[in-house]
Amino acid sequence: MIVKIALSSFYSRGDERRLFQGFIEISAIQGVQGVGRDLLLNIEIGSLNKDSMRELLALLSRYNIPLAPLRPIAAMRKFAWLNDAQGYWHNNLFKDA
């Protein structure tokens, strides 16, 4: 699954490098490509589990990156827990829904 995410500015080259390193450390992410101000994440849904999804949510949240592009994942049965309104990610994930 390719997920397109809009990026904002980075504070430094190191800041940008750490974000990309964070993506590399999530085993379900098969590739990351920057296209202009957007980021294309190639997510292997079969390899994505609760722990790796939590890591992805945390990484994106840390960089104030909108979670809405991940909304289709919340529609999958194994990720129904993403719909929990008590989760810190919920407002960001379902904003403008």
N, C-alpha and C. Protein backbone atom coordinates (compact mmCIF):
# COMPACT_ATOMS: atom_id res chain seq x y z
N MET A 1 0.86 -1.17 0.00
CA MET A 1 0.00 0.00 0.00
C MET A 1 0.90 1.23 0.00
N ILE A 2 0.66 2.13 -0.94
CA ILE A 2 1.40 3.38 -0.99
C ILE A 2 0.56 4.45 -0.29
N VAL A 3 1.17 5.13 0.67
CA VAL A 3 0.50 6.19 1.40
C VAL A 3 1.24 7.50 1.11
N LYS A 4 0.50 8.49 0.66
CA LYS A 4 1.07 9.80 0.34
C LYS A 4 0.83 10.74 1.52
N ILE A 5 1.91 11.30 2.03
CA ILE A 5 1.85 12.16 3.20
C ILE A 5 2.50 13.51 2.87
N ALA A 6 1.80 14.59 3.20
CA ALA A 6 2.34 15.93 2.99
C ALA A 6 3.28 16.26 4.15
N LEU A 7 4.44 16.76 3.83
CA LEU A 7 5.43 17.12 4.85
C LEU A 7 5.48 18.62 5.05
N SER A 8 5.85 19.00 6.24
CA SER A 8 6.12 20.41 6.51
C SER A 8 7.63 20.60 6.50
N SER A 9 8.10 21.67 7.03
CA SER A 9 9.53 21.96 7.03
C SER A 9 10.25 21.18 8.13
N PHE A 10 11.52 20.95 7.89
CA PHE A 10 12.38 20.35 8.90
C PHE A 10 13.21 21.46 9.52
N TYR A 11 13.63 21.25 10.75
CA TYR A 11 14.44 22.25 11.44
C TYR A 11 15.91 22.18 11.04
N SER A 12 16.34 21.01 10.57
CA SER A 12 17.72 20.83 10.15
C SER A 12 17.81 19.57 9.30
N ARG A 13 18.96 19.39 8.65
CA ARG A 13 19.19 18.17 7.87
C ARG A 13 19.16 16.94 8.80
N GLY A 14 19.69 17.10 9.99
CA GLY A 14 19.69 16.00 10.95
C GLY A 14 18.27 15.62 11.36
N ASP A 15 17.42 16.61 11.49
CA ASP A 15 16.02 16.38 11.82
C ASP A 15 15.36 15.54 10.73
N GLU A 16 15.59 15.90 9.50
CA GLU A 16 15.04 15.15 8.37
C GLU A 16 15.62 13.73 8.33
N ARG A 17 16.92 13.63 8.55
CA ARG A 17 17.58 12.32 8.54
C ARG A 17 16.98 11.39 9.61
N ARG A 18 16.70 11.94 10.80
CA ARG A 18 16.14 11.13 11.87
C ARG A 18 14.73 10.63 11.53
N LEU A 19 13.95 11.44 10.84
CA LEU A 19 12.63 10.98 10.42
C LEU A 19 12.77 9.79 9.47
N PHE A 20 13.62 9.93 8.47
CA PHE A 20 13.79 8.85 7.51
C PHE A 20 14.39 7.61 8.17
N GLN A 21 15.27 7.80 9.13
CA GLN A 21 15.83 6.66 9.87
C GLN A 21 14.73 5.96 10.65
N GLY A 22 13.81 6.73 11.21
CA GLY A 22 12.68 6.15 11.92
C GLY A 22 11.84 5.28 11.00
N PHE A 23 11.62 5.72 9.76
CA PHE A 23 10.87 4.90 8.81
C PHE A 23 11.61 3.60 8.50
N ILE A 24 12.91 3.70 8.32
CA ILE A 24 13.72 2.52 8.00
C ILE A 24 13.63 1.48 9.11
N GLU A 25 13.51 1.92 10.35
CA GLU A 25 13.47 1.01 11.49
C GLU A 25 12.13 0.30 11.66
N ILE A 26 11.12 0.71 10.92
CA ILE A 26 9.82 0.04 10.97
C ILE A 26 9.80 -1.00 9.84
N SER A 27 9.85 -2.26 10.21
CA SER A 27 10.04 -3.34 9.23
C SER A 27 8.93 -3.41 8.19
N ALA A 28 7.73 -2.97 8.48
CA ALA A 28 6.62 -3.03 7.52
C ALA A 28 6.75 -1.97 6.43
N ILE A 29 7.62 -1.00 6.62
CA ILE A 29 7.81 0.03 5.60
C ILE A 29 8.89 -0.46 4.64
N GLN A 30 8.44 -0.73 3.42
CA GLN A 30 9.32 -1.31 2.41
C GLN A 30 10.09 -0.26 1.62
N GLY A 31 9.63 0.98 1.68
CA GLY A 31 10.32 2.04 0.95
C GLY A 31 9.76 3.40 1.32
N VAL A 32 10.61 4.40 1.18
CA VAL A 32 10.24 5.79 1.45
C VAL A 32 10.80 6.62 0.31
N GLN A 33 9.95 7.47 -0.26
CA GLN A 33 10.41 8.31 -1.36
C GLN A 33 9.84 9.71 -1.18
N GLY A 34 10.70 10.69 -1.27
CA GLY A 34 10.26 12.07 -1.24
C GLY A 34 9.95 12.54 -2.64
N VAL A 35 8.78 13.15 -2.81
CA VAL A 35 8.37 13.68 -4.10
C VAL A 35 7.89 15.10 -3.85
N GLY A 36 8.74 16.07 -4.14
CA GLY A 36 8.41 17.46 -3.83
C GLY A 36 8.26 17.61 -2.32
N ARG A 37 7.13 18.14 -1.88
CA ARG A 37 6.85 18.31 -0.46
C ARG A 37 6.09 17.12 0.11
N ASP A 38 5.94 16.07 -0.69
CA ASP A 38 5.22 14.88 -0.24
C ASP A 38 6.16 13.72 0.00
N LEU A 39 5.67 12.80 0.77
CA LEU A 39 6.41 11.59 1.10
C LEU A 39 5.55 10.40 0.71
N LEU A 40 6.12 9.46 -0.02
CA LEU A 40 5.41 8.24 -0.38
C LEU A 40 5.97 7.10 0.47
N LEU A 41 5.11 6.53 1.29
CA LEU A 41 5.50 5.38 2.12
C LEU A 41 4.94 4.12 1.48
N ASN A 42 5.79 3.16 1.24
CA ASN A 42 5.35 1.87 0.74
C ASN A 42 5.23 0.95 1.96
N ILE A 43 4.01 0.70 2.38
CA ILE A 43 3.75 -0.09 3.59
C ILE A 43 3.29 -1.48 3.18
N GLU A 44 3.97 -2.49 3.66
CA GLU A 44 3.60 -3.88 3.43
C GLU A 44 2.55 -4.22 4.50
N ILE A 45 1.28 -4.17 4.10
CA ILE A 45 0.19 -4.36 5.04
C ILE A 45 0.26 -5.72 5.72
N GLY A 46 0.68 -6.75 5.01
CA GLY A 46 0.78 -8.08 5.61
C GLY A 46 1.80 -8.14 6.74
N SER A 47 2.80 -7.28 6.70
CA SER A 47 3.84 -7.24 7.73
C SER A 47 3.52 -6.23 8.82
N LEU A 48 2.54 -5.38 8.57
CA LEU A 48 2.19 -4.35 9.55
C LEU A 48 1.41 -4.99 10.69
N ASN A 49 1.92 -4.84 11.89
CA ASN A 49 1.23 -5.37 13.07
C ASN A 49 0.97 -4.22 14.04
N LYS A 50 0.39 -4.54 15.18
CA LYS A 50 0.03 -3.50 16.13
C LYS A 50 1.26 -2.71 16.59
N ASP A 51 2.34 -3.41 16.88
CA ASP A 51 3.55 -2.72 17.35
C ASP A 51 4.13 -1.79 16.29
N SER A 52 4.23 -2.28 15.05
CA SER A 52 4.80 -1.43 14.00
C SER A 52 3.86 -0.27 13.66
N MET A 53 2.55 -0.50 13.75
CA MET A 53 1.61 0.59 13.52
C MET A 53 1.74 1.64 14.60
N ARG A 54 1.90 1.21 15.84
CA ARG A 54 2.11 2.16 16.94
C ARG A 54 3.40 2.96 16.74
N GLU A 55 4.44 2.32 16.25
CA GLU A 55 5.70 3.03 15.98
C GLU A 55 5.49 4.07 14.88
N LEU A 56 4.75 3.70 13.85
CA LEU A 56 4.49 4.64 12.76
C LEU A 56 3.67 5.84 13.25
N LEU A 57 2.63 5.57 14.03
CA LEU A 57 1.82 6.65 14.60
C LEU A 57 2.67 7.58 15.45
N ALA A 58 3.51 7.00 16.29
CA ALA A 58 4.36 7.79 17.18
C ALA A 58 5.34 8.64 16.38
N LEU A 59 5.95 8.05 15.37
CA LEU A 59 6.93 8.78 14.56
C LEU A 59 6.27 9.96 13.84
N LEU A 60 5.15 9.71 13.20
CA LEU A 60 4.46 10.79 12.49
C LEU A 60 3.97 11.86 13.45
N SER A 61 3.47 11.43 14.60
CA SER A 61 2.98 12.39 15.60
C SER A 61 4.11 13.26 16.13
N ARG A 62 5.26 12.65 16.36
CA ARG A 62 6.42 13.39 16.87
C ARG A 62 6.80 14.54 15.93
N TYR A 63 6.62 14.33 14.62
CA TYR A 63 6.97 15.35 13.64
C TYR A 63 5.76 16.17 13.18
N ASN A 64 4.65 16.05 13.92
CA ASN A 64 3.42 16.78 13.60
C ASN A 64 2.97 16.57 12.15
N ILE A 65 3.12 15.35 11.68
CA ILE A 65 2.70 14.99 10.33
C ILE A 65 1.27 14.47 10.41
N PRO A 66 0.38 14.97 9.56
CA PRO A 66 -1.01 14.53 9.60
C PRO A 66 -1.14 13.01 9.43
N LEU A 67 -2.03 12.44 10.22
CA LEU A 67 -2.25 10.99 10.19
C LEU A 67 -3.39 10.59 9.25
N ALA A 68 -4.16 11.55 8.76
CA ALA A 68 -5.32 11.24 7.92
C ALA A 68 -5.01 10.30 6.75
N PRO A 69 -3.83 10.38 6.11
CA PRO A 69 -3.56 9.45 5.02
C PRO A 69 -3.54 7.98 5.45
N LEU A 70 -3.43 7.73 6.76
CA LEU A 70 -3.44 6.35 7.26
C LEU A 70 -4.85 5.85 7.56
N ARG A 71 -5.86 6.69 7.36
CA ARG A 71 -7.24 6.34 7.68
C ARG A 71 -7.71 5.04 7.03
N PRO A 72 -7.34 4.73 5.78
CA PRO A 72 -7.80 3.45 5.21
C PRO A 72 -7.33 2.23 6.02
N ILE A 73 -6.23 2.36 6.70
CA ILE A 73 -5.74 1.24 7.52
C ILE A 73 -6.68 1.00 8.70
N ALA A 74 -7.26 2.08 9.23
CA ALA A 74 -8.20 1.95 10.36
C ALA A 74 -9.46 1.19 9.96
N ALA A 75 -9.76 1.12 8.67
CA ALA A 75 -10.93 0.39 8.21
C ALA A 75 -10.70 -1.12 8.16
N MET A 76 -9.45 -1.53 8.29
CA MET A 76 -9.12 -2.96 8.27
C MET A 76 -9.40 -3.58 9.64
N ARG A 77 -9.97 -4.76 9.63
CA ARG A 77 -10.38 -5.42 10.87
C ARG A 77 -9.25 -5.52 11.89
N LYS A 78 -8.06 -5.89 11.44
CA LYS A 78 -6.98 -6.09 12.41
C LYS A 78 -6.48 -4.77 13.02
N PHE A 79 -6.90 -3.65 12.44
CA PHE A 79 -6.52 -2.35 12.99
C PHE A 79 -7.73 -1.56 13.51
N ALA A 80 -8.78 -2.27 13.86
CA ALA A 80 -9.99 -1.63 14.38
C ALA A 80 -9.69 -0.82 15.64
N TRP A 81 -8.64 -1.18 16.36
CA TRP A 81 -8.27 -0.46 17.58
C TRP A 81 -7.91 1.00 17.29
N LEU A 82 -7.60 1.33 16.04
CA LEU A 82 -7.30 2.72 15.69
C LEU A 82 -8.52 3.62 15.82
N ASN A 83 -9.71 3.02 15.83
CA ASN A 83 -10.95 3.78 15.93
C ASN A 83 -11.29 4.17 17.37
N ASP A 84 -10.48 3.75 18.32
CA ASP A 84 -10.71 4.08 19.73
C ASP A 84 -10.54 5.58 19.94
N ALA A 85 -11.63 6.24 20.28
CA ALA A 85 -11.61 7.70 20.46
C ALA A 85 -10.70 8.13 21.61
N GLN A 86 -10.29 7.21 22.47
CA GLN A 86 -9.40 7.54 23.58
C GLN A 86 -7.93 7.55 23.17
N GLY A 87 -7.62 7.02 21.99
CA GLY A 87 -6.24 6.98 21.53
C GLY A 87 -5.72 8.36 21.21
N TYR A 88 -4.47 8.63 21.56
CA TYR A 88 -3.88 9.96 21.32
C TYR A 88 -3.89 10.32 19.84
N TRP A 89 -3.93 9.35 18.97
CA TRP A 89 -3.86 9.53 17.53
C TRP A 89 -5.23 9.86 16.92
N HIS A 90 -6.30 9.56 17.64
CA HIS A 90 -7.64 9.57 17.05
C HIS A 90 -8.02 10.89 16.39
N ASN A 91 -7.87 12.00 17.10
CA ASN A 91 -8.25 13.30 16.53
C ASN A 91 -7.46 13.61 15.27
N ASN A 92 -6.19 13.34 15.27
CA ASN A 92 -5.35 13.61 14.11
C ASN A 92 -5.72 12.68 12.95
N LEU A 93 -5.99 11.43 13.26
CA LEU A 93 -6.30 10.43 12.23
C LEU A 93 -7.64 10.72 11.56
N PHE A 94 -8.61 11.15 12.34
CA PHE A 94 -9.96 11.34 11.80
C PHE A 94 -10.37 12.80 11.64
N LYS A 95 -9.42 13.69 11.76
CA LYS A 95 -9.69 15.12 11.54
C LYS A 95 -10.23 15.29 10.12
N ASP A 96 -11.27 16.09 9.98
CA ASP A 96 -11.88 16.37 8.68
C ASP A 96 -12.57 15.17 8.06
N ALA A 97 -12.86 14.15 8.86
CA ALA A 97 -13.53 12.96 8.31
C ALA A 97 -15.03 13.15 8.27
